[in-house]
Amino acid sequence: EIDLPKKLVWIESDRDVDVLMETLKKCGKEVKYNGTK
């Protein structure tokens, strides 16, 4: 789920956080992990 105004992305996955982080970085934007929700 993407919330553009708040610049947040929520991802539901069993994959490792590092894999998700590296995948998001491929779009060329700065990425910060906020934790689980």
PDB file of all heavy atoms in Angstrom:
ATOM      1  N   GLU A   1       0.875  -1.166   0.000  1.00  0.00           N
ATOM      2  CA  GLU A   1       0.000   0.000   0.000  1.00  0.00           C
ATOM      3  C   GLU A   1       0.916   1.220   0.000  1.00  0.00           C
ATOM      4  O   GLU A   1       1.923   1.236   0.706  1.00  0.00           O
ATOM      5  CB  GLU A   1      -0.801  -0.046   1.291  1.00  0.00           C
ATOM      6  CG  GLU A   1      -2.093   0.701   1.295  1.00  0.00           C
ATOM      7  CD  GLU A   1      -2.797   0.537   2.645  1.00  0.00           C
ATOM      8  OE1 GLU A   1      -2.827  -0.579   3.193  1.00  0.00           O
ATOM      9  OE2 GLU A   1      -3.269   1.571   3.143  1.00  0.00           O
ATOM     10  N   ILE A   2       0.562   2.230  -0.785  1.00  0.00           N
ATOM     11  CA  ILE A   2       1.395   3.434  -0.876  1.00  0.00           C
ATOM     12  C   ILE A   2       0.570   4.648  -0.460  1.00  0.00           C
ATOM     13  O   ILE A   2      -0.544   4.839  -0.937  1.00  0.00           O
ATOM     14  CB  ILE A   2       1.918   3.629  -2.317  1.00  0.00           C
ATOM     15  CG1 ILE A   2       2.795   2.443  -2.711  1.00  0.00           C
ATOM     16  CG2 ILE A   2       2.680   4.945  -2.444  1.00  0.00           C
ATOM     17  CD1 ILE A   2       3.214   2.432  -4.166  1.00  0.00           C
ATOM     18  N   ASP A   3       1.132   5.461   0.428  1.00  0.00           N
ATOM     19  CA  ASP A   3       0.510   6.726   0.829  1.00  0.00           C
ATOM     20  C   ASP A   3       1.457   7.835   0.376  1.00  0.00           C
ATOM     21  O   ASP A   3       2.412   8.176   1.070  1.00  0.00           O
ATOM     22  CB  ASP A   3       0.323   6.766   2.353  1.00  0.00           C
ATOM     23  CG  ASP A   3      -0.442   8.004   2.814  1.00  0.00           C
ATOM     24  OD1 ASP A   3      -0.378   9.046   2.115  1.00  0.00           O
ATOM     25  OD2 ASP A   3      -1.089   7.937   3.865  1.00  0.00           O
ATOM     26  N   LEU A   4       1.203   8.357  -0.825  1.00  0.00           N
ATOM     27  CA  LEU A   4       2.088   9.362  -1.418  1.00  0.00           C
ATOM     28  C   LEU A   4       2.207  10.639  -0.582  1.00  0.00           C
ATOM     29  O   LEU A   4       3.317  11.090  -0.314  1.00  0.00           O
ATOM     30  CB  LEU A   4       1.644   9.662  -2.857  1.00  0.00           C
ATOM     31  CG  LEU A   4       2.490  10.655  -3.658  1.00  0.00           C
ATOM     32  CD1 LEU A   4       3.948  10.233  -3.714  1.00  0.00           C
ATOM     33  CD2 LEU A   4       1.927  10.797  -5.054  1.00  0.00           C
ATOM     34  N   PRO A   5       1.081  11.232  -0.103  1.00  0.00           N
ATOM     35  CA  PRO A   5       1.208  12.468   0.693  1.00  0.00           C
ATOM     36  C   PRO A   5       2.077  12.291   1.948  1.00  0.00           C
ATOM     37  O   PRO A   5       2.825  13.188   2.321  1.00  0.00           O
ATOM     38  CB  PRO A   5      -0.225  12.819   1.068  1.00  0.00           C
ATOM     39  CG  PRO A   5      -1.073  12.150   0.035  1.00  0.00           C
ATOM     40  CD  PRO A   5      -0.325  10.886  -0.335  1.00  0.00           C
ATOM     41  N   LYS A   6       1.990  11.128   2.583  1.00  0.00           N
ATOM     42  CA  LYS A   6       2.778  10.889   3.804  1.00  0.00           C
ATOM     43  C   LYS A   6       4.125  10.239   3.500  1.00  0.00           C
ATOM     44  O   LYS A   6       4.928  10.021   4.406  1.00  0.00           O
ATOM     45  CB  LYS A   6       1.988   9.999   4.774  1.00  0.00           C
ATOM     46  CG  LYS A   6       0.779  10.697   5.346  1.00  0.00           C
ATOM     47  CD  LYS A   6       0.084   9.804   6.348  1.00  0.00           C
ATOM     48  CE  LYS A   6      -1.149  10.511   6.915  1.00  0.00           C
ATOM     49  NZ  LYS A   6      -1.936   9.640   7.766  1.00  0.00           N
ATOM     50  N   LYS A   7       4.344   9.908   2.207  1.00  0.00           N
ATOM     51  CA  LYS A   7       5.585   9.265   1.753  1.00  0.00           C
ATOM     52  C   LYS A   7       5.846   7.940   2.451  1.00  0.00           C
ATOM     53  O   LYS A   7       6.972   7.612   2.799  1.00  0.00           O
ATOM     54  CB  LYS A   7       6.783  10.217   1.928  1.00  0.00           C
ATOM     55  CG  LYS A   7       6.599  11.500   1.160  1.00  0.00           C
ATOM     56  CD  LYS A   7       7.762  12.437   1.321  1.00  0.00           C
ATOM     57  CE  LYS A   7       7.441  13.706   0.540  1.00  0.00           C
ATOM     58  NZ  LYS A   7       8.499  14.629   0.455  1.00  0.00           N
ATOM     59  N   LEU A   8       4.766   7.169   2.655  1.00  0.00           N
ATOM     60  CA  LEU A   8       4.884   5.889   3.341  1.00  0.00           C
ATOM     61  C   LEU A   8       4.500   4.734   2.419  1.00  0.00           C
ATOM     62  O   LEU A   8       3.631   4.875   1.564  1.00  0.00           O
ATOM     63  CB  LEU A   8       3.990   5.850   4.579  1.00  0.00           C
ATOM     64  CG  LEU A   8       4.330   6.827   5.699  1.00  0.00           C
ATOM     65  CD1 LEU A   8       3.278   6.754   6.796  1.00  0.00           C
ATOM     66  CD2 LEU A   8       5.712   6.533   6.271  1.00  0.00           C
ATOM     67  N   VAL A   9       5.178   3.607   2.624  1.00  0.00           N
ATOM     68  CA  VAL A   9       4.861   2.378   1.902  1.00  0.00           C
ATOM     69  C   VAL A   9       4.758   1.270   2.931  1.00  0.00           C
ATOM     70  O   VAL A   9       5.645   1.099   3.764  1.00  0.00           O
ATOM     71  CB  VAL A   9       5.976   2.034   0.874  1.00  0.00           C
ATOM     72  CG1 VAL A   9       5.658   0.725   0.167  1.00  0.00           C
ATOM     73  CG2 VAL A   9       6.155   3.155  -0.132  1.00  0.00           C
ATOM     74  N   TRP A  10       3.636   0.532   2.899  1.00  0.00           N
ATOM     75  CA  TRP A  10       3.458  -0.619   3.779  1.00  0.00           C
ATOM     76  C   TRP A  10       3.543  -1.858   2.913  1.00  0.00           C
ATOM     77  O   TRP A  10       2.863  -1.954   1.891  1.00  0.00           O
ATOM     78  CB  TRP A  10       2.101  -0.581   4.488  1.00  0.00           C
ATOM     79  CG  TRP A  10       1.983   0.559   5.427  1.00  0.00           C
ATOM     80  CD1 TRP A  10       2.460   0.630   6.712  1.00  0.00           C
ATOM     81  CD2 TRP A  10       1.349   1.811   5.182  1.00  0.00           C
ATOM     82  NE1 TRP A  10       2.155   1.853   7.256  1.00  0.00           N
ATOM     83  CE2 TRP A  10       1.480   2.601   6.344  1.00  0.00           C
ATOM     84  CE3 TRP A  10       0.693   2.360   4.082  1.00  0.00           C
ATOM     85  CZ2 TRP A  10       0.970   3.893   6.442  1.00  0.00           C
ATOM     86  CZ3 TRP A  10       0.191   3.635   4.172  1.00  0.00           C
ATOM     87  CH2 TRP A  10       0.329   4.391   5.348  1.00  0.00           C
ATOM     88  N   ILE A  11       4.376  -2.808   3.341  1.00  0.00           N
ATOM     89  CA  ILE A  11       4.551  -4.037   2.579  1.00  0.00           C
ATOM     90  C   ILE A  11       4.253  -5.228   3.475  1.00  0.00           C
ATOM     91  O   ILE A  11       4.818  -5.341   4.557  1.00  0.00           O
ATOM     92  CB  ILE A  11       5.996  -4.154   2.046  1.00  0.00           C
ATOM     93  CG1 ILE A  11       6.371  -2.923   1.216  1.00  0.00           C
ATOM     94  CG2 ILE A  11       6.144  -5.433   1.212  1.00  0.00           C
ATOM     95  CD1 ILE A  11       7.836  -2.877   0.829  1.00  0.00           C
ATOM     96  N   GLU A  12       3.347  -6.095   3.008  1.00  0.00           N
ATOM     97  CA  GLU A  12       3.063  -7.347   3.713  1.00  0.00           C
ATOM     98  C   GLU A  12       3.815  -8.448   2.979  1.00  0.00           C
ATOM     99  O   GLU A  12       3.564  -8.695   1.798  1.00  0.00           O
ATOM    100  CB  GLU A  12       1.570  -7.659   3.679  1.00  0.00           C
ATOM    101  CG  GLU A  12       0.777  -6.923   4.725  1.00  0.00           C
ATOM    102  CD  GLU A  12      -0.664  -7.381   4.754  1.00  0.00           C
ATOM    103  OE1 GLU A  12      -0.921  -8.533   5.154  1.00  0.00           O
ATOM    104  OE2 GLU A  12      -1.525  -6.580   4.363  1.00  0.00           O
ATOM    105  N   SER A  13       4.767  -9.060   3.690  1.00  0.00           N
ATOM    106  CA  SER A  13       5.593 -10.080   3.058  1.00  0.00           C
ATOM    107  C   SER A  13       6.312 -10.925   4.102  1.00  0.00           C
ATOM    108  O   SER A  13       6.561 -10.464   5.213  1.00  0.00           O
ATOM    109  CB  SER A  13       6.627  -9.404   2.156  1.00  0.00           C
ATOM    110  OG  SER A  13       7.512 -10.341   1.611  1.00  0.00           O
ATOM    111  N   ASP A  14       6.663 -12.145   3.714  1.00  0.00           N
ATOM    112  CA  ASP A  14       7.473 -13.003   4.570  1.00  0.00           C
ATOM    113  C   ASP A  14       8.953 -12.853   4.232  1.00  0.00           C
ATOM    114  O   ASP A  14       9.803 -13.492   4.829  1.00  0.00           O
ATOM    115  CB  ASP A  14       7.052 -14.474   4.404  1.00  0.00           C
ATOM    116  CG  ASP A  14       5.686 -14.734   5.026  1.00  0.00           C
ATOM    117  OD1 ASP A  14       5.364 -14.089   6.038  1.00  0.00           O
ATOM    118  OD2 ASP A  14       4.936 -15.575   4.492  1.00  0.00           O
ATOM    119  N   ARG A  15       9.247 -12.014   3.264  1.00  0.00           N
ATOM    120  CA  ARG A  15      10.645 -11.803   2.862  1.00  0.00           C
ATOM    121  C   ARG A  15      11.395 -11.006   3.928  1.00  0.00           C
ATOM    122  O   ARG A  15      10.805 -10.266   4.695  1.00  0.00           O
ATOM    123  CB  ARG A  15      10.720 -11.066   1.528  1.00  0.00           C
ATOM    124  CG  ARG A  15      10.194 -11.909   0.392  1.00  0.00           C
ATOM    125  CD  ARG A  15      10.325 -11.142  -0.901  1.00  0.00           C
ATOM    126  NE  ARG A  15       9.688 -11.839  -1.992  1.00  0.00           N
ATOM    127  CZ  ARG A  15      10.358 -12.561  -2.880  1.00  0.00           C
ATOM    128  NH1 ARG A  15      11.652 -12.684  -2.811  1.00  0.00           N
ATOM    129  NH2 ARG A  15       9.711 -13.158  -3.850  1.00  0.00           N
ATOM    130  N   ASP A  16      12.712 -11.129   3.902  1.00  0.00           N
ATOM    131  CA  ASP A  16      13.580 -10.429   4.838  1.00  0.00           C
ATOM    132  C   ASP A  16      13.501  -8.918   4.599  1.00  0.00           C
ATOM    133  O   ASP A  16      13.372  -8.466   3.457  1.00  0.00           O
ATOM    134  CB  ASP A  16      15.014 -10.934   4.637  1.00  0.00           C
ATOM    135  CG  ASP A  16      15.933 -10.460   5.735  1.00  0.00           C
ATOM    136  OD1 ASP A  16      15.729 -10.884   6.891  1.00  0.00           O
ATOM    137  OD2 ASP A  16      16.848  -9.673   5.432  1.00  0.00           O
ATOM    138  N   VAL A  17      13.591  -8.139   5.664  1.00  0.00           N
ATOM    139  CA  VAL A  17      13.522  -6.678   5.569  1.00  0.00           C
ATOM    140  C   VAL A  17      14.612  -6.143   4.639  1.00  0.00           C
ATOM    141  O   VAL A  17      14.371  -5.214   3.866  1.00  0.00           O
ATOM    142  CB  VAL A  17      13.659  -6.029   6.976  1.00  0.00           C
ATOM    143  CG1 VAL A  17      13.786  -4.525   6.871  1.00  0.00           C
ATOM    144  CG2 VAL A  17      12.459  -6.385   7.825  1.00  0.00           C
ATOM    145  N   ASP A  18      15.804  -6.733   4.699  1.00  0.00           N
ATOM    146  CA  ASP A  18      16.899  -6.269   3.835  1.00  0.00           C
ATOM    147  C   ASP A  18      16.558  -6.429   2.358  1.00  0.00           C
ATOM    148  O   ASP A  18      16.901  -5.571   1.538  1.00  0.00           O
ATOM    149  CB  ASP A  18      18.194  -7.031   4.155  1.00  0.00           C
ATOM    150  CG  ASP A  18      18.719  -6.697   5.546  1.00  0.00           C
ATOM    151  OD1 ASP A  18      18.473  -5.570   6.023  1.00  0.00           O
ATOM    152  OD2 ASP A  18      19.371  -7.569   6.153  1.00  0.00           O
ATOM    153  N   VAL A  19      15.872  -7.520   2.012  1.00  0.00           N
ATOM    154  CA  VAL A  19      15.465  -7.753   0.629  1.00  0.00           C
ATOM    155  C   VAL A  19      14.466  -6.682   0.204  1.00  0.00           C
ATOM    156  O   VAL A  19      14.575  -6.098  -0.875  1.00  0.00           O
ATOM    157  CB  VAL A  19      14.840  -9.163   0.462  1.00  0.00           C
ATOM    158  CG1 VAL A  19      14.226  -9.351  -0.920  1.00  0.00           C
ATOM    159  CG2 VAL A  19      15.877 -10.238   0.743  1.00  0.00           C
ATOM    160  N   LEU A  20      13.500  -6.388   1.082  1.00  0.00           N
ATOM    161  CA  LEU A  20      12.492  -5.361   0.776  1.00  0.00           C
ATOM    162  C   LEU A  20      13.149  -3.986   0.633  1.00  0.00           C
ATOM    163  O   LEU A  20      12.834  -3.227  -0.283  1.00  0.00           O
ATOM    164  CB  LEU A  20      11.425  -5.325   1.874  1.00  0.00           C
ATOM    165  CG  LEU A  20      10.620  -6.620   2.083  1.00  0.00           C
ATOM    166  CD1 LEU A  20       9.688  -6.474   3.266  1.00  0.00           C
ATOM    167  CD2 LEU A  20       9.857  -6.997   0.830  1.00  0.00           C
ATOM    168  N   MET A  21      14.086  -3.696   1.522  1.00  0.00           N
ATOM    169  CA  MET A  21      14.798  -2.412   1.506  1.00  0.00           C
ATOM    170  C   MET A  21      15.587  -2.248   0.204  1.00  0.00           C
ATOM    171  O   MET A  21      15.499  -1.202  -0.446  1.00  0.00           O
ATOM    172  CB  MET A  21      15.745  -2.377   2.717  1.00  0.00           C
ATOM    173  CG  MET A  21      16.380  -1.066   2.944  1.00  0.00           C
ATOM    174  SD  MET A  21      15.291  -0.126   4.018  1.00  0.00           S
ATOM    175  CE  MET A  21      16.460   0.999   4.674  1.00  0.00           C
ATOM    176  N   GLU A  22      16.340  -3.273  -0.178  1.00  0.00           N
ATOM    177  CA  GLU A  22      17.131  -3.212  -1.416  1.00  0.00           C
ATOM    178  C   GLU A  22      16.231  -3.073  -2.636  1.00  0.00           C
ATOM    179  O   GLU A  22      16.560  -2.361  -3.578  1.00  0.00           O
ATOM    180  CB  GLU A  22      18.028  -4.450  -1.552  1.00  0.00           C
ATOM    181  CG  GLU A  22      19.204  -4.453  -0.603  1.00  0.00           C
ATOM    182  CD  GLU A  22      20.047  -3.183  -0.663  1.00  0.00           C
ATOM    183  OE1 GLU A  22      20.460  -2.781  -1.768  1.00  0.00           O
ATOM    184  OE2 GLU A  22      20.279  -2.575   0.404  1.00  0.00           O
ATOM    185  N   THR A  23      15.079  -3.751  -2.609  1.00  0.00           N
ATOM    186  CA  THR A  23      14.123  -3.653  -3.717  1.00  0.00           C
ATOM    187  C   THR A  23      13.596  -2.231  -3.836  1.00  0.00           C
ATOM    188  O   THR A  23      13.551  -1.670  -4.934  1.00  0.00           O
ATOM    189  CB  THR A  23      12.961  -4.644  -3.514  1.00  0.00           C
ATOM    190  OG1 THR A  23      13.494  -5.961  -3.423  1.00  0.00           O
ATOM    191  CG2 THR A  23      11.972  -4.575  -4.662  1.00  0.00           C
ATOM    192  N   LEU A  24      13.226  -1.619  -2.715  1.00  0.00           N
ATOM    193  CA  LEU A  24      12.721  -0.245  -2.735  1.00  0.00           C
ATOM    194  C   LEU A  24      13.791   0.729  -3.216  1.00  0.00           C
ATOM    195  O   LEU A  24      13.495   1.685  -3.932  1.00  0.00           O
ATOM    196  CB  LEU A  24      12.234   0.173  -1.338  1.00  0.00           C
ATOM    197  CG  LEU A  24      10.888  -0.389  -0.907  1.00  0.00           C
ATOM    198  CD1 LEU A  24      10.628  -0.069   0.555  1.00  0.00           C
ATOM    199  CD2 LEU A  24       9.760   0.155  -1.769  1.00  0.00           C
ATOM    200  N   LYS A  25      15.040   0.498  -2.859  1.00  0.00           N
ATOM    201  CA  LYS A  25      16.132   1.396  -3.269  1.00  0.00           C
ATOM    202  C   LYS A  25      16.342   1.384  -4.783  1.00  0.00           C
ATOM    203  O   LYS A  25      16.894   2.330  -5.333  1.00  0.00           O
ATOM    204  CB  LYS A  25      17.425   1.014  -2.557  1.00  0.00           C
ATOM    205  CG  LYS A  25      17.434   1.423  -1.098  1.00  0.00           C
ATOM    206  CD  LYS A  25      18.746   1.067  -0.432  1.00  0.00           C
ATOM    207  CE  LYS A  25      18.737   1.516   1.026  1.00  0.00           C
ATOM    208  NZ  LYS A  25      19.972   1.092   1.716  1.00  0.00           N
ATOM    209  N   LYS A  26      15.873   0.338  -5.451  1.00  0.00           N
ATOM    210  CA  LYS A  26      16.016   0.248  -6.910  1.00  0.00           C
ATOM    211  C   LYS A  26      15.246   1.344  -7.632  1.00  0.00           C
ATOM    212  O   LYS A  26      15.519   1.636  -8.785  1.00  0.00           O
ATOM    213  CB  LYS A  26      15.549  -1.122  -7.416  1.00  0.00           C
ATOM    214  CG  LYS A  26      16.503  -2.236  -7.077  1.00  0.00           C
ATOM    215  CD  LYS A  26      15.986  -3.565  -7.586  1.00  0.00           C
ATOM    216  CE  LYS A  26      16.898  -4.699  -7.144  1.00  0.00           C
ATOM    217  NZ  LYS A  26      16.333  -6.008  -7.492  1.00  0.00           N
ATOM    218  N   CYS A  27      14.264   1.952  -6.959  1.00  0.00           N
ATOM    219  CA  CYS A  27      13.499   3.020  -7.609  1.00  0.00           C
ATOM    220  C   CYS A  27      14.256   4.355  -7.515  1.00  0.00           C
ATOM    221  O   CYS A  27      13.784   5.370  -8.013  1.00  0.00           O
ATOM    222  CB  CYS A  27      12.081   3.120  -7.046  1.00  0.00           C
ATOM    223  SG  CYS A  27      11.981   3.691  -5.357  1.00  0.00           S
ATOM    224  N   GLY A  28      15.437   4.350  -6.900  1.00  0.00           N
ATOM    225  CA  GLY A  28      16.287   5.541  -6.884  1.00  0.00           C
ATOM    226  C   GLY A  28      15.953   6.572  -5.817  1.00  0.00           C
ATOM    227  O   GLY A  28      16.447   7.689  -5.854  1.00  0.00           O
ATOM    228  N   LYS A  29      15.121   6.208  -4.879  1.00  0.00           N
ATOM    229  CA  LYS A  29      14.719   7.146  -3.822  1.00  0.00           C
ATOM    230  C   LYS A  29      15.344   6.764  -2.497  1.00  0.00           C
ATOM    231  O   LYS A  29      15.708   5.612  -2.269  1.00  0.00           O
ATOM    232  CB  LYS A  29      13.186   7.148  -3.663  1.00  0.00           C
ATOM    233  CG  LYS A  29      12.443   7.532  -4.918  1.00  0.00           C
ATOM    234  CD  LYS A  29      12.722   8.957  -5.291  1.00  0.00           C
ATOM    235  CE  LYS A  29      12.120   9.312  -6.633  1.00  0.00           C
ATOM    236  NZ  LYS A  29      12.627  10.586  -7.120  1.00  0.00           N
ATOM    237  N   GLU A  30      15.433   7.736  -1.594  1.00  0.00           N
ATOM    238  CA  GLU A  30      15.930   7.468  -0.246  1.00  0.00           C
ATOM    239  C   GLU A  30      14.873   6.657   0.500  1.00  0.00           C
ATOM    240  O   GLU A  30      13.688   6.966   0.445  1.00  0.00           O
ATOM    241  CB  GLU A  30      16.182   8.800   0.460  1.00  0.00           C
ATOM    242  CG  GLU A  30      16.920   8.663   1.778  1.00  0.00           C
ATOM    243  CD  GLU A  30      17.166  10.016   2.421  1.00  0.00           C
ATOM    244  OE1 GLU A  30      17.574  10.957   1.713  1.00  0.00           O
ATOM    245  OE2 GLU A  30      16.938  10.116   3.630  1.00  0.00           O
ATOM    246  N   VAL A  31      15.324   5.612   1.204  1.00  0.00           N
ATOM    247  CA  VAL A  31      14.399   4.706   1.889  1.00  0.00           C
ATOM    248  C   VAL A  31      14.802   4.563   3.350  1.00  0.00           C
ATOM    249  O   VAL A  31      15.974   4.432   3.669  1.00  0.00           O
ATOM    250  CB  VAL A  31      14.416   3.301   1.229  1.00  0.00           C
ATOM    251  CG1 VAL A  31      13.469   2.362   1.956  1.00  0.00           C
ATOM    252  CG2 VAL A  31      14.059   3.388  -0.232  1.00  0.00           C
ATOM    253  N   LYS A  32      13.798   4.616   4.229  1.00  0.00           N
ATOM    254  CA  LYS A  32      14.037   4.434   5.675  1.00  0.00           C
ATOM    255  C   LYS A  32      13.036   3.399   6.199  1.00  0.00           C
ATOM    256  O   LYS A  32      11.855   3.462   5.863  1.00  0.00           O
ATOM    257  CB  LYS A  32      13.838   5.775   6.370  1.00  0.00           C
ATOM    258  CG  LYS A  32      14.044   5.726   7.881  1.00  0.00           C
ATOM    259  CD  LYS A  32      13.789   7.112   8.466  1.00  0.00           C
ATOM    260  CE  LYS A  32      13.372   6.992   9.911  1.00  0.00           C
ATOM    261  NZ  LYS A  32      12.626   8.139  10.373  1.00  0.00           N
ATOM    262  N   TYR A  33      13.519   2.461   6.997  1.00  0.00           N
ATOM    263  CA  TYR A  33      12.646   1.434   7.563  1.00  0.00           C
ATOM    264  C   TYR A  33      12.104   1.926   8.904  1.00  0.00           C
ATOM    265  O   TYR A  33      12.861   2.319   9.787  1.00  0.00           O
ATOM    266  CB  TYR A  33      13.435   0.118   7.752  1.00  0.00           C
ATOM    267  CG  TYR A  33      12.615  -1.006   8.325  1.00  0.00           C
ATOM    268  CD1 TYR A  33      11.474  -1.459   7.683  1.00  0.00           C
ATOM    269  CD2 TYR A  33      12.998  -1.627   9.504  1.00  0.00           C
ATOM    270  CE1 TYR A  33      10.729  -2.502   8.201  1.00  0.00           C
ATOM    271  CE2 TYR A  33      12.254  -2.684  10.038  1.00  0.00           C
ATOM    272  CZ  TYR A  33      11.118  -3.103   9.380  1.00  0.00           C
ATOM    273  OH  TYR A  33      10.377  -4.141   9.894  1.00  0.00           O
ATOM    274  N   ASN A  34      10.773   1.927   9.059  1.00  0.00           N
ATOM    275  CA  ASN A  34      10.137   2.414  10.280  1.00  0.00           C
ATOM    276  C   ASN A  34       9.730   1.295  11.235  1.00  0.00           C
ATOM    277  O   ASN A  34       9.267   1.565  12.330  1.00  0.00           O
ATOM    278  CB  ASN A  34       8.900   3.262   9.959  1.00  0.00           C
ATOM    279  CG  ASN A  34       9.271   4.579   9.301  1.00  0.00           C
ATOM    280  OD1 ASN A  34      10.409   5.025   9.375  1.00  0.00           O
ATOM    281  ND2 ASN A  34       8.326   5.202   8.640  1.00  0.00           N
ATOM    282  N   GLY A  35       9.841   0.044  10.811  1.00  0.00           N
ATOM    283  CA  GLY A  35       9.475  -1.078  11.678  1.00  0.00           C
ATOM    284  C   GLY A  35       8.220  -1.779  11.214  1.00  0.00           C
ATOM    285  O   GLY A  35       7.670  -1.486  10.162  1.00  0.00           O
ATOM    286  N   THR A  36       7.756  -2.717  12.040  1.00  0.00           N
ATOM    287  CA  THR A  36       6.556  -3.483  11.689  1.00  0.00           C
ATOM    288  C   THR A  36       5.322  -2.777  12.253  1.00  0.00           C
ATOM    289  O   THR A  36       5.411  -2.043  13.230  1.00  0.00           O
ATOM    290  CB  THR A  36       6.625  -4.909  12.252  1.00  0.00           C
ATOM    291  OG1 THR A  36       6.838  -4.838  13.660  1.00  0.00           O
ATOM    292  CG2 THR A  36       7.744  -5.706  11.613  1.00  0.00           C
ATOM    293  N   LYS A  37       4.208  -3.009  11.604  1.00  0.00           N
ATOM    294  CA  LYS A  37       2.950  -2.371  12.014  1.00  0.00           C
ATOM    295  C   LYS A  37       1.927  -3.415  12.342  1.00  0.00           C
ATOM    296  O   LYS A  37       1.875  -4.463  11.790  1.00  0.00           O
ATOM    297  CB  LYS A  37       2.412  -1.463  10.894  1.00  0.00           C
ATOM    298  CG  LYS A  37       3.317  -0.299  10.612  1.00  0.00           C
ATOM    299  CD  LYS A  37       3.333   0.643  11.776  1.00  0.00           C
ATOM    300  CE  LYS A  37       4.592   1.487  11.792  1.00  0.00           C
ATOM    301  NZ  LYS A  37       4.895   2.132  12.993  1.00  0.00           N
TER     302      LYS A  37
END
